[in-house]
Amino acid sequence: MSKFNAAFEQFDAYNKKDPNSFTWENTTYPQEYFLAIKLYDWVKQLDPNASEELLLASRSQHIGRWEIPRHTYPEGREAYLKWRKDLAQYHAEKASAIMEIVGYSPGQIARTKQILLKQKIKVDHDVQTMENALCLVFLQFLYEDFYPKYEADKVINILKKSLLKMDAHGHQFALGLPYSEKGLHYIQEALKLISK
């Protein structure tokens, strides 16, 4: 088995331990396993020539996410940002350990970590592709269940922040996804704010 396939096998096996489930098209999956596969699929669609490190990062972006739940941190934005930062580091360390076990070089591991930690977004092509793919996974699989839980202004503000992280290439794919009428309306409103 190649290093690449061995790493994927271990990433997937780890994410299949997720106790949280996600149902899509009448099939239920361990949540982070499903989302990792969809993130990988989006990366390949956005960049058919994606580097090996980008593909590895896409399949391990949220590895073990359930092990550090949000409720273990205090309420508030500052604590939320700390949780997100700690999670990113946790994912990077988990992925790096698996890559080392299957025989990747320190240079390849370091590059994959850079992408996982989203360093130099808007400058680094691989990091930007990852950010586009993450936003597209959210919009395709999570958004329609997410937005009814919040007031319109909050939804539009969250979408604005997500869409700002994307580039024009990502926006094209985002606008091509199927949405409910209200879901599309919120996205259009967020895009209007960006274009001002």
N, C-alpha and C. Protein backbone atom coordinates (compact mmCIF):
# COMPACT_ATOMS: atom_id res chain seq x y z
N MET A 1 0.85 -1.20 0.00
CA MET A 1 0.00 0.00 0.00
C MET A 1 0.88 1.25 0.00
N SER A 2 0.52 2.25 -0.81
CA SER A 2 1.30 3.48 -0.86
C SER A 2 1.14 4.26 0.45
N LYS A 3 2.07 5.17 0.71
CA LYS A 3 1.98 6.04 1.89
C LYS A 3 0.67 6.82 1.86
N PHE A 4 0.34 7.31 0.67
CA PHE A 4 -0.87 8.12 0.50
C PHE A 4 -2.11 7.33 0.91
N ASN A 5 -2.24 6.12 0.37
CA ASN A 5 -3.41 5.29 0.70
C ASN A 5 -3.41 4.87 2.17
N ALA A 6 -2.22 4.60 2.71
CA ALA A 6 -2.12 4.21 4.12
C ALA A 6 -2.56 5.35 5.02
N ALA A 7 -2.15 6.58 4.67
CA ALA A 7 -2.55 7.75 5.46
C ALA A 7 -4.07 7.93 5.40
N PHE A 8 -4.64 7.81 4.20
CA PHE A 8 -6.09 7.96 4.05
C PHE A 8 -6.83 6.90 4.85
N GLU A 9 -6.32 5.69 4.81
CA GLU A 9 -6.98 4.60 5.54
C GLU A 9 -7.02 4.91 7.04
N GLN A 10 -5.89 5.45 7.54
CA GLN A 10 -5.84 5.77 8.98
C GLN A 10 -6.68 7.00 9.32
N PHE A 11 -6.65 8.02 8.45
CA PHE A 11 -7.51 9.19 8.68
C PHE A 11 -8.98 8.76 8.75
N ASP A 12 -9.38 7.95 7.77
CA ASP A 12 -10.78 7.52 7.71
C ASP A 12 -11.16 6.65 8.91
N ALA A 13 -10.27 5.74 9.28
CA ALA A 13 -10.55 4.87 10.43
C ALA A 13 -10.73 5.71 11.70
N TYR A 14 -9.91 6.74 11.84
CA TYR A 14 -10.01 7.61 13.02
C TYR A 14 -11.35 8.36 13.01
N ASN A 15 -11.69 8.93 11.86
CA ASN A 15 -12.92 9.72 11.79
C ASN A 15 -14.19 8.86 11.88
N LYS A 16 -14.07 7.59 11.57
CA LYS A 16 -15.22 6.70 11.71
C LYS A 16 -15.57 6.46 13.18
N LYS A 17 -14.68 6.85 14.09
CA LYS A 17 -14.95 6.72 15.53
C LYS A 17 -15.87 7.83 16.05
N ASP A 18 -16.14 8.83 15.21
CA ASP A 18 -16.96 9.96 15.65
C ASP A 18 -18.32 9.45 16.15
N PRO A 19 -18.68 9.74 17.40
CA PRO A 19 -19.97 9.29 17.92
C PRO A 19 -21.15 10.08 17.34
N ASN A 20 -20.85 11.24 16.75
CA ASN A 20 -21.91 12.05 16.14
C ASN A 20 -22.20 11.53 14.73
N SER A 21 -23.46 11.51 14.38
CA SER A 21 -23.81 10.99 13.06
C SER A 21 -24.35 12.09 12.15
N PHE A 22 -24.28 11.83 10.85
CA PHE A 22 -24.77 12.78 9.85
C PHE A 22 -25.53 11.97 8.80
N THR A 23 -26.77 12.37 8.55
CA THR A 23 -27.58 11.65 7.57
C THR A 23 -27.70 12.46 6.29
N TRP A 24 -27.38 11.82 5.19
CA TRP A 24 -27.46 12.47 3.88
C TRP A 24 -28.06 11.47 2.89
N GLU A 25 -29.13 11.90 2.22
CA GLU A 25 -29.80 11.07 1.23
C GLU A 25 -30.13 9.68 1.81
N ASN A 26 -30.73 9.72 3.01
CA ASN A 26 -31.24 8.51 3.69
C ASN A 26 -30.15 7.52 4.15
N THR A 27 -28.90 7.97 4.16
CA THR A 27 -27.83 7.12 4.68
C THR A 27 -27.16 7.86 5.83
N THR A 28 -26.86 7.15 6.91
CA THR A 28 -26.24 7.78 8.08
C THR A 28 -24.76 7.38 8.16
N TYR A 29 -23.92 8.38 8.45
CA TYR A 29 -22.47 8.20 8.52
C TYR A 29 -21.95 8.79 9.82
N PRO A 30 -20.75 8.36 10.28
CA PRO A 30 -20.07 9.13 11.34
C PRO A 30 -19.80 10.53 10.75
N GLN A 31 -20.16 11.57 11.48
CA GLN A 31 -20.18 12.92 10.90
C GLN A 31 -18.85 13.36 10.31
N GLU A 32 -17.76 13.28 11.07
CA GLU A 32 -16.49 13.81 10.55
C GLU A 32 -15.93 12.95 9.40
N TYR A 33 -16.27 11.69 9.38
CA TYR A 33 -15.89 10.84 8.24
C TYR A 33 -16.59 11.32 6.97
N PHE A 34 -17.89 11.55 7.06
CA PHE A 34 -18.65 12.04 5.90
C PHE A 34 -18.12 13.38 5.42
N LEU A 35 -17.94 14.32 6.35
CA LEU A 35 -17.51 15.67 5.97
C LEU A 35 -16.09 15.67 5.40
N ALA A 36 -15.22 14.78 5.90
CA ALA A 36 -13.85 14.69 5.38
C ALA A 36 -13.86 14.21 3.93
N ILE A 37 -14.69 13.24 3.63
CA ILE A 37 -14.79 12.74 2.25
C ILE A 37 -15.32 13.84 1.34
N LYS A 38 -16.31 14.57 1.80
CA LYS A 38 -16.89 15.64 0.97
C LYS A 38 -15.91 16.79 0.78
N LEU A 39 -15.11 17.09 1.82
CA LEU A 39 -14.08 18.13 1.69
C LEU A 39 -13.04 17.71 0.65
N TYR A 40 -12.61 16.48 0.72
CA TYR A 40 -11.66 15.92 -0.26
C TYR A 40 -12.25 16.01 -1.68
N ASP A 41 -13.52 15.66 -1.82
CA ASP A 41 -14.17 15.72 -3.14
C ASP A 41 -14.20 17.15 -3.67
N TRP A 42 -14.50 18.11 -2.81
CA TRP A 42 -14.54 19.51 -3.24
C TRP A 42 -13.15 20.00 -3.63
N VAL A 43 -12.14 19.62 -2.87
CA VAL A 43 -10.76 20.04 -3.22
C VAL A 43 -10.40 19.52 -4.60
N LYS A 44 -10.73 18.28 -4.89
CA LYS A 44 -10.41 17.71 -6.21
C LYS A 44 -11.19 18.42 -7.32
N GLN A 45 -12.42 18.84 -7.02
CA GLN A 45 -13.22 19.55 -8.02
C GLN A 45 -12.67 20.95 -8.26
N LEU A 46 -12.27 21.62 -7.19
CA LEU A 46 -11.72 22.98 -7.30
C LEU A 46 -10.35 22.99 -7.97
N ASP A 47 -9.56 21.96 -7.69
CA ASP A 47 -8.20 21.88 -8.23
C ASP A 47 -7.89 20.45 -8.65
N PRO A 48 -8.19 20.09 -9.91
CA PRO A 48 -7.93 18.72 -10.38
C PRO A 48 -6.46 18.31 -10.28
N ASN A 49 -5.56 19.30 -10.18
CA ASN A 49 -4.13 19.01 -10.05
C ASN A 49 -3.63 19.25 -8.63
N ALA A 50 -4.50 19.09 -7.66
CA ALA A 50 -4.15 19.36 -6.26
C ALA A 50 -2.91 18.57 -5.84
N SER A 51 -2.07 19.22 -5.05
CA SER A 51 -0.85 18.58 -4.55
C SER A 51 -1.22 17.46 -3.58
N GLU A 52 -0.27 16.54 -3.38
CA GLU A 52 -0.50 15.44 -2.44
C GLU A 52 -0.75 15.97 -1.04
N GLU A 53 0.00 17.00 -0.66
CA GLU A 53 -0.15 17.57 0.69
C GLU A 53 -1.54 18.19 0.87
N LEU A 54 -2.06 18.85 -0.17
CA LEU A 54 -3.40 19.43 -0.08
C LEU A 54 -4.46 18.33 0.05
N LEU A 55 -4.31 17.26 -0.70
CA LEU A 55 -5.26 16.15 -0.60
C LEU A 55 -5.21 15.50 0.79
N LEU A 56 -4.01 15.34 1.33
CA LEU A 56 -3.86 14.79 2.68
C LEU A 56 -4.51 15.70 3.71
N ALA A 57 -4.30 17.00 3.55
CA ALA A 57 -4.88 17.97 4.48
C ALA A 57 -6.40 17.94 4.40
N SER A 58 -6.92 17.80 3.19
CA SER A 58 -8.38 17.82 3.04
C SER A 58 -9.04 16.64 3.74
N ARG A 59 -8.38 15.50 3.74
CA ARG A 59 -8.98 14.31 4.34
C ARG A 59 -8.80 14.28 5.86
N SER A 60 -7.96 15.18 6.40
CA SER A 60 -7.70 15.17 7.85
C SER A 60 -7.97 16.53 8.50
N GLN A 61 -8.63 17.43 7.79
CA GLN A 61 -8.82 18.80 8.26
C GLN A 61 -9.46 18.87 9.65
N HIS A 62 -10.43 18.01 9.92
CA HIS A 62 -11.13 18.04 11.22
C HIS A 62 -11.01 16.71 11.95
N ILE A 63 -9.91 16.02 11.77
CA ILE A 63 -9.74 14.70 12.37
C ILE A 63 -9.86 14.78 13.90
N GLY A 64 -10.72 13.93 14.45
CA GLY A 64 -10.89 13.91 15.91
C GLY A 64 -11.59 15.12 16.49
N ARG A 65 -12.34 15.86 15.67
CA ARG A 65 -12.95 17.10 16.13
C ARG A 65 -13.85 16.90 17.35
N TRP A 66 -14.55 15.79 17.41
CA TRP A 66 -15.48 15.52 18.51
C TRP A 66 -14.77 15.39 19.85
N GLU A 67 -13.45 15.23 19.85
CA GLU A 67 -12.71 15.01 21.10
C GLU A 67 -12.49 16.30 21.89
N ILE A 68 -12.72 17.45 21.23
CA ILE A 68 -12.64 18.73 21.94
C ILE A 68 -13.93 19.50 21.65
N PRO A 69 -15.03 19.16 22.32
CA PRO A 69 -16.31 19.82 22.03
C PRO A 69 -16.31 21.29 22.46
N ARG A 70 -17.15 22.06 21.78
CA ARG A 70 -17.25 23.51 22.07
C ARG A 70 -17.61 23.77 23.53
N HIS A 71 -18.48 22.92 24.11
CA HIS A 71 -18.96 23.19 25.48
C HIS A 71 -17.87 23.05 26.54
N THR A 72 -16.68 22.56 26.15
CA THR A 72 -15.59 22.47 27.13
C THR A 72 -14.86 23.81 27.29
N TYR A 73 -15.29 24.80 26.51
CA TYR A 73 -14.73 26.16 26.62
C TYR A 73 -15.85 27.09 27.07
N PRO A 74 -15.50 28.23 27.69
CA PRO A 74 -16.55 29.17 28.14
C PRO A 74 -17.33 29.75 26.96
N GLU A 75 -18.43 30.42 27.29
CA GLU A 75 -19.21 31.12 26.28
C GLU A 75 -18.45 32.37 25.81
N GLY A 76 -18.88 32.95 24.71
CA GLY A 76 -18.30 34.20 24.24
C GLY A 76 -17.36 34.02 23.05
N ARG A 77 -17.19 35.12 22.33
CA ARG A 77 -16.41 35.08 21.08
C ARG A 77 -14.93 34.76 21.32
N GLU A 78 -14.36 35.35 22.37
CA GLU A 78 -12.94 35.13 22.65
C GLU A 78 -12.66 33.64 22.92
N ALA A 79 -13.52 33.03 23.71
CA ALA A 79 -13.37 31.60 24.02
C ALA A 79 -13.61 30.76 22.77
N TYR A 80 -14.57 31.19 21.94
CA TYR A 80 -14.85 30.48 20.69
C TYR A 80 -13.63 30.48 19.79
N LEU A 81 -12.99 31.64 19.65
CA LEU A 81 -11.80 31.75 18.79
C LEU A 81 -10.64 30.91 19.35
N LYS A 82 -10.53 30.88 20.67
CA LYS A 82 -9.49 30.04 21.31
C LYS A 82 -9.76 28.56 21.01
N TRP A 83 -11.02 28.17 21.12
CA TRP A 83 -11.41 26.78 20.81
C TRP A 83 -11.06 26.44 19.36
N ARG A 84 -11.37 27.33 18.43
CA ARG A 84 -11.08 27.08 17.02
C ARG A 84 -9.57 26.94 16.77
N LYS A 85 -8.80 27.81 17.43
CA LYS A 85 -7.34 27.77 17.27
C LYS A 85 -6.76 26.48 17.85
N ASP A 86 -7.23 26.12 19.04
CA ASP A 86 -6.75 24.88 19.68
C ASP A 86 -7.13 23.65 18.85
N LEU A 87 -8.35 23.67 18.30
CA LEU A 87 -8.80 22.56 17.45
C LEU A 87 -7.89 22.41 16.23
N ALA A 88 -7.59 23.53 15.57
CA ALA A 88 -6.75 23.48 14.36
C ALA A 88 -5.40 22.85 14.68
N GLN A 89 -4.82 23.25 15.81
CA GLN A 89 -3.53 22.70 16.22
C GLN A 89 -3.66 21.19 16.51
N TYR A 90 -4.76 20.82 17.13
CA TYR A 90 -5.03 19.42 17.47
C TYR A 90 -5.12 18.57 16.19
N HIS A 91 -5.88 19.07 15.22
CA HIS A 91 -6.02 18.35 13.94
C HIS A 91 -4.66 18.21 13.26
N ALA A 92 -3.89 19.29 13.27
CA ALA A 92 -2.57 19.28 12.61
C ALA A 92 -1.65 18.26 13.27
N GLU A 93 -1.67 18.18 14.59
CA GLU A 93 -0.81 17.23 15.30
C GLU A 93 -1.25 15.78 15.04
N LYS A 94 -2.57 15.55 15.06
CA LYS A 94 -3.09 14.20 14.78
C LYS A 94 -2.69 13.75 13.38
N ALA A 95 -2.92 14.62 12.40
CA ALA A 95 -2.60 14.28 11.01
C ALA A 95 -1.10 14.06 10.84
N SER A 96 -0.30 14.91 11.46
CA SER A 96 1.17 14.79 11.36
C SER A 96 1.66 13.47 11.92
N ALA A 97 1.10 13.06 13.06
CA ALA A 97 1.52 11.79 13.69
C ALA A 97 1.23 10.61 12.77
N ILE A 98 0.07 10.62 12.13
CA ILE A 98 -0.28 9.54 11.20
C ILE A 98 0.63 9.56 9.98
N MET A 99 0.88 10.75 9.45
CA MET A 99 1.77 10.87 8.29
C MET A 99 3.18 10.36 8.60
N GLU A 100 3.64 10.65 9.80
CA GLU A 100 4.98 10.18 10.21
C GLU A 100 5.01 8.65 10.28
N ILE A 101 3.96 8.06 10.85
CA ILE A 101 3.88 6.61 10.99
C ILE A 101 3.94 5.91 9.63
N VAL A 102 3.26 6.49 8.63
CA VAL A 102 3.20 5.82 7.32
C VAL A 102 4.40 6.16 6.43
N GLY A 103 5.29 7.05 6.91
CA GLY A 103 6.54 7.25 6.20
C GLY A 103 6.73 8.53 5.43
N TYR A 104 5.91 9.56 5.71
CA TYR A 104 6.10 10.84 5.02
C TYR A 104 7.31 11.58 5.58
N SER A 105 7.92 12.40 4.73
CA SER A 105 9.11 13.16 5.12
C SER A 105 8.71 14.35 5.99
N PRO A 106 9.66 14.85 6.80
CA PRO A 106 9.36 16.04 7.62
C PRO A 106 8.88 17.22 6.78
N GLY A 107 9.44 17.37 5.57
CA GLY A 107 9.04 18.47 4.69
C GLY A 107 7.59 18.35 4.25
N GLN A 108 7.17 17.14 3.90
CA GLN A 108 5.78 16.93 3.47
C GLN A 108 4.81 17.11 4.64
N ILE A 109 5.24 16.66 5.81
CA ILE A 109 4.40 16.83 7.01
C ILE A 109 4.25 18.31 7.34
N ALA A 110 5.36 19.04 7.28
CA ALA A 110 5.33 20.48 7.58
C ALA A 110 4.42 21.22 6.60
N ARG A 111 4.48 20.84 5.33
CA ARG A 111 3.65 21.50 4.31
C ARG A 111 2.16 21.20 4.55
N THR A 112 1.86 19.96 4.89
CA THR A 112 0.47 19.60 5.17
C THR A 112 -0.05 20.37 6.38
N LYS A 113 0.80 20.51 7.40
CA LYS A 113 0.41 21.28 8.60
C LYS A 113 0.11 22.73 8.25
N GLN A 114 0.94 23.30 7.36
CA GLN A 114 0.72 24.69 6.92
C GLN A 114 -0.68 24.86 6.36
N ILE A 115 -1.09 23.90 5.54
CA ILE A 115 -2.42 23.96 4.92
C ILE A 115 -3.49 23.76 5.97
N LEU A 116 -3.30 22.78 6.85
CA LEU A 116 -4.28 22.51 7.91
C LEU A 116 -4.48 23.73 8.82
N LEU A 117 -3.40 24.44 9.08
CA LEU A 117 -3.47 25.62 9.95
C LEU A 117 -3.87 26.88 9.18
N LYS A 118 -4.10 26.71 7.88
CA LYS A 118 -4.55 27.79 6.99
C LYS A 118 -3.66 29.03 7.07
N GLN A 119 -2.36 28.78 7.00
CA GLN A 119 -1.40 29.88 7.02
C GLN A 119 -1.30 30.49 5.62
N LYS A 120 -1.25 31.82 5.57
CA LYS A 120 -1.12 32.57 4.32
C LYS A 120 -2.33 32.40 3.38
N ILE A 121 -3.52 32.42 3.98
CA ILE A 121 -4.73 32.41 3.16
C ILE A 121 -4.73 33.64 2.25
N LYS A 122 -5.28 33.52 1.09
CA LYS A 122 -5.33 34.55 0.04
C LYS A 122 -4.00 34.68 -0.70
N VAL A 123 -2.94 34.07 -0.17
CA VAL A 123 -1.62 34.14 -0.82
C VAL A 123 -1.20 32.76 -1.31
N ASP A 124 -1.42 31.76 -0.49
CA ASP A 124 -1.04 30.38 -0.79
C ASP A 124 -2.20 29.68 -1.51
N HIS A 125 -1.94 29.23 -2.73
CA HIS A 125 -3.00 28.62 -3.55
C HIS A 125 -3.66 27.43 -2.84
N ASP A 126 -2.86 26.55 -2.25
CA ASP A 126 -3.42 25.36 -1.60
C ASP A 126 -4.28 25.72 -0.40
N VAL A 127 -3.84 26.71 0.37
CA VAL A 127 -4.60 27.14 1.54
C VAL A 127 -5.92 27.78 1.10
N GLN A 128 -5.87 28.57 0.03
CA GLN A 128 -7.10 29.19 -0.47
C GLN A 128 -8.07 28.14 -1.01
N THR A 129 -7.54 27.14 -1.70
CA THR A 129 -8.39 26.05 -2.20
C THR A 129 -9.06 25.34 -1.03
N MET A 130 -8.31 25.10 0.03
CA MET A 130 -8.87 24.46 1.22
C MET A 130 -9.99 25.32 1.81
N GLU A 131 -9.77 26.62 1.92
CA GLU A 131 -10.79 27.51 2.49
C GLU A 131 -12.05 27.51 1.62
N ASN A 132 -11.86 27.58 0.31
CA ASN A 132 -13.02 27.50 -0.60
C ASN A 132 -13.80 26.21 -0.36
N ALA A 133 -13.06 25.10 -0.28
CA ALA A 133 -13.70 23.78 -0.12
C ALA A 133 -14.44 23.69 1.22
N LEU A 134 -13.85 24.20 2.28
CA LEU A 134 -14.51 24.18 3.59
C LEU A 134 -15.83 24.95 3.57
N CYS A 135 -15.82 26.11 2.94
CA CYS A 135 -17.04 26.91 2.84
C CYS A 135 -18.08 26.21 1.98
N LEU A 136 -17.64 25.55 0.92
CA LEU A 136 -18.57 24.84 0.04
C LEU A 136 -19.20 23.63 0.74
N VAL A 137 -18.42 22.93 1.55
CA VAL A 137 -18.98 21.82 2.33
C VAL A 137 -20.06 22.34 3.28
N PHE A 138 -19.78 23.45 3.94
CA PHE A 138 -20.78 24.07 4.83
C PHE A 138 -22.04 24.42 4.05
N LEU A 139 -21.87 25.10 2.91
CA LEU A 139 -23.03 25.56 2.14
C LEU A 139 -23.84 24.39 1.57
N GLN A 140 -23.16 23.35 1.13
CA GLN A 140 -23.85 22.23 0.50
C GLN A 140 -24.54 21.31 1.51
N PHE A 141 -23.88 21.05 2.63
CA PHE A 141 -24.37 20.00 3.52
C PHE A 141 -24.91 20.50 4.87
N LEU A 142 -24.52 21.69 5.31
CA LEU A 142 -24.88 22.13 6.66
C LEU A 142 -25.75 23.38 6.70
N TYR A 143 -25.65 24.19 5.68
CA TYR A 143 -26.25 25.53 5.68
C TYR A 143 -27.77 25.52 5.84
N GLU A 144 -28.47 24.68 5.10
CA GLU A 144 -29.94 24.70 5.13
C GLU A 144 -30.50 24.32 6.50
N ASP A 145 -29.78 23.50 7.25
CA ASP A 145 -30.20 23.17 8.62
C ASP A 145 -29.75 24.23 9.62
N PHE A 146 -28.71 24.98 9.23
CA PHE A 146 -28.10 25.97 10.13
C PHE A 146 -28.91 27.27 10.20
N TYR A 147 -29.25 27.84 9.03
CA TYR A 147 -29.75 29.21 9.05
C TYR A 147 -31.11 29.40 9.74
N PRO A 148 -32.02 28.39 9.73
CA PRO A 148 -33.31 28.65 10.41
C PRO A 148 -33.19 28.83 11.93
N LYS A 149 -32.05 28.49 12.50
CA LYS A 149 -31.87 28.58 13.95
C LYS A 149 -31.54 30.00 14.42
N TYR A 150 -31.25 30.92 13.46
CA TYR A 150 -30.75 32.24 13.83
C TYR A 150 -31.54 33.35 13.15
N GLU A 151 -31.41 34.55 13.73
CA GLU A 151 -32.02 35.74 13.12
C GLU A 151 -31.34 36.04 11.79
N ALA A 152 -32.09 36.69 10.90
CA ALA A 152 -31.59 36.96 9.55
C ALA A 152 -30.27 37.73 9.56
N ASP A 153 -30.16 38.76 10.40
CA ASP A 153 -28.94 39.58 10.43
C ASP A 153 -27.71 38.75 10.79
N LYS A 154 -27.90 37.83 11.76
CA LYS A 154 -26.77 36.99 12.18
C LYS A 154 -26.36 36.04 11.06
N VAL A 155 -27.34 35.45 10.39
CA VAL A 155 -27.05 34.53 9.28
C VAL A 155 -26.28 35.26 8.18
N ILE A 156 -26.76 36.44 7.82
CA ILE A 156 -26.12 37.20 6.73
C ILE A 156 -24.70 37.58 7.12
N ASN A 157 -24.49 37.96 8.39
CA ASN A 157 -23.15 38.32 8.85
C ASN A 157 -22.20 37.13 8.81
N ILE A 158 -22.68 35.95 9.23
CA ILE A 158 -21.86 34.72 9.19
C ILE A 158 -21.51 34.37 7.75
N LEU A 159 -22.51 34.46 6.87
CA LEU A 159 -22.27 34.18 5.45
C LEU A 159 -21.26 35.16 4.85
N LYS A 160 -21.39 36.42 5.22
CA LYS A 160 -20.47 37.45 4.73
C LYS A 160 -19.03 37.09 5.10
N LYS A 161 -18.83 36.69 6.36
CA LYS A 161 -17.48 36.32 6.82
C LYS A 161 -16.96 35.11 6.05
N SER A 162 -17.84 34.12 5.84
CA SER A 162 -17.43 32.92 5.10
C SER A 162 -17.10 33.26 3.65
N LEU A 163 -17.97 34.03 3.01
CA LEU A 163 -17.77 34.37 1.60
C LEU A 163 -16.54 35.25 1.40
N LEU A 164 -16.21 36.08 2.39
CA LEU A 164 -15.00 36.91 2.31
C LEU A 164 -13.74 36.07 2.31
N LYS A 165 -13.79 34.90 2.96
CA LYS A 165 -12.63 34.02 3.00
C LYS A 165 -12.42 33.31 1.67
N MET A 166 -13.47 33.26 0.87
CA MET A 166 -13.39 32.59 -0.43
C MET A 166 -12.86 33.56 -1.48
N ASP A 167 -12.49 33.01 -2.63
CA ASP A 167 -12.11 33.86 -3.76
C ASP A 167 -13.18 33.72 -4.84
N ALA A 168 -12.97 34.40 -5.97
CA ALA A 168 -13.96 34.41 -7.05
C ALA A 168 -14.24 32.99 -7.56
N HIS A 169 -13.20 32.16 -7.62
CA HIS A 169 -13.34 30.78 -8.08
C HIS A 169 -14.30 30.02 -7.16
N GLY A 170 -14.12 30.20 -5.87
CA GLY A 170 -15.00 29.56 -4.90
C GLY A 170 -16.42 30.09 -4.98
N HIS A 171 -16.57 31.42 -5.18
CA HIS A 171 -17.90 32.02 -5.27
C HIS A 171 -18.71 31.43 -6.43
N GLN A 172 -18.05 31.16 -7.54
CA GLN A 172 -18.74 30.58 -8.71
C GLN A 172 -19.42 29.25 -8.32
N PHE A 173 -18.69 28.42 -7.61
CA PHE A 173 -19.24 27.13 -7.19
C PHE A 173 -20.34 27.32 -6.14
N ALA A 174 -20.13 28.28 -5.24
CA ALA A 174 -21.12 28.53 -4.19
C ALA A 174 -22.46 28.95 -4.78
N LEU A 175 -22.42 29.78 -5.80
CA LEU A 175 -23.66 30.26 -6.41
C LEU A 175 -24.34 29.19 -7.26
N GLY A 176 -23.61 28.14 -7.60
CA GLY A 176 -24.17 27.06 -8.40
C GLY A 176 -24.85 25.97 -7.60
N LEU A 177 -24.77 26.06 -6.26
CA LEU A 177 -25.38 25.03 -5.41
C LEU A 177 -26.90 25.24 -5.30
N PRO A 178 -27.65 24.16 -5.09
CA PRO A 178 -29.11 24.32 -4.91
C PRO A 178 -29.44 24.78 -3.49
N TYR A 179 -30.24 25.83 -3.39
CA TYR A 179 -30.65 26.34 -2.08
C TYR A 179 -32.17 26.51 -2.06
N SER A 180 -32.72 26.59 -0.85
CA SER A 180 -34.11 27.01 -0.72
C SER A 180 -34.18 28.49 -1.10
N GLU A 181 -35.38 28.97 -1.31
CA GLU A 181 -35.56 30.39 -1.69
C GLU A 181 -34.97 31.32 -0.63
N LYS A 182 -35.28 31.03 0.64
CA LYS A 182 -34.78 31.88 1.72
C LYS A 182 -33.27 31.74 1.87
N GLY A 183 -32.77 30.50 1.74
CA GLY A 183 -31.33 30.28 1.84
C GLY A 183 -30.56 31.06 0.79
N LEU A 184 -31.07 31.05 -0.44
CA LEU A 184 -30.43 31.80 -1.52
C LEU A 184 -30.51 33.30 -1.26
N HIS A 185 -31.64 33.76 -0.74
CA HIS A 185 -31.82 35.18 -0.44
C HIS A 185 -30.73 35.67 0.53
N TYR A 186 -30.48 34.90 1.57
CA TYR A 186 -29.46 35.30 2.55
C TYR A 186 -28.07 35.37 1.89
N ILE A 187 -27.78 34.42 1.04
CA ILE A 187 -26.47 34.42 0.37
C ILE A 187 -26.34 35.63 -0.54
N GLN A 188 -27.39 35.95 -1.25
CA GLN A 188 -27.36 37.13 -2.13
C GLN A 188 -27.19 38.41 -1.33
N GLU A 189 -27.84 38.48 -0.17
CA GLU A 189 -27.68 39.66 0.69
C GLU A 189 -26.25 39.77 1.21
N ALA A 190 -25.67 38.65 1.58
CA ALA A 190 -24.28 38.67 2.05
C ALA A 190 -23.33 39.10 0.94
N LEU A 191 -23.56 38.63 -0.27
CA LEU A 191 -22.72 39.01 -1.41
C LEU A 191 -22.84 40.50 -1.73
N LYS A 192 -24.02 41.05 -1.53
CA LYS A 192 -24.22 42.50 -1.75
C LYS A 192 -23.35 43.31 -0.78
N LEU A 193 -23.29 42.84 0.47
CA LEU A 193 -22.47 43.53 1.47
C LEU A 193 -20.99 43.48 1.10
N ILE A 194 -20.56 42.35 0.54
CA ILE A 194 -19.16 42.18 0.14
C ILE A 194 -18.82 43.11 -1.02
N SER A 195 -19.75 43.26 -1.94
CA SER A 195 -19.47 44.02 -3.17
C SER A 195 -19.56 45.54 -2.97
N LYS A 196 -20.04 45.98 -1.79
CA LYS A 196 -20.16 47.44 -1.53
C LYS A 196 -18.78 48.09 -1.46
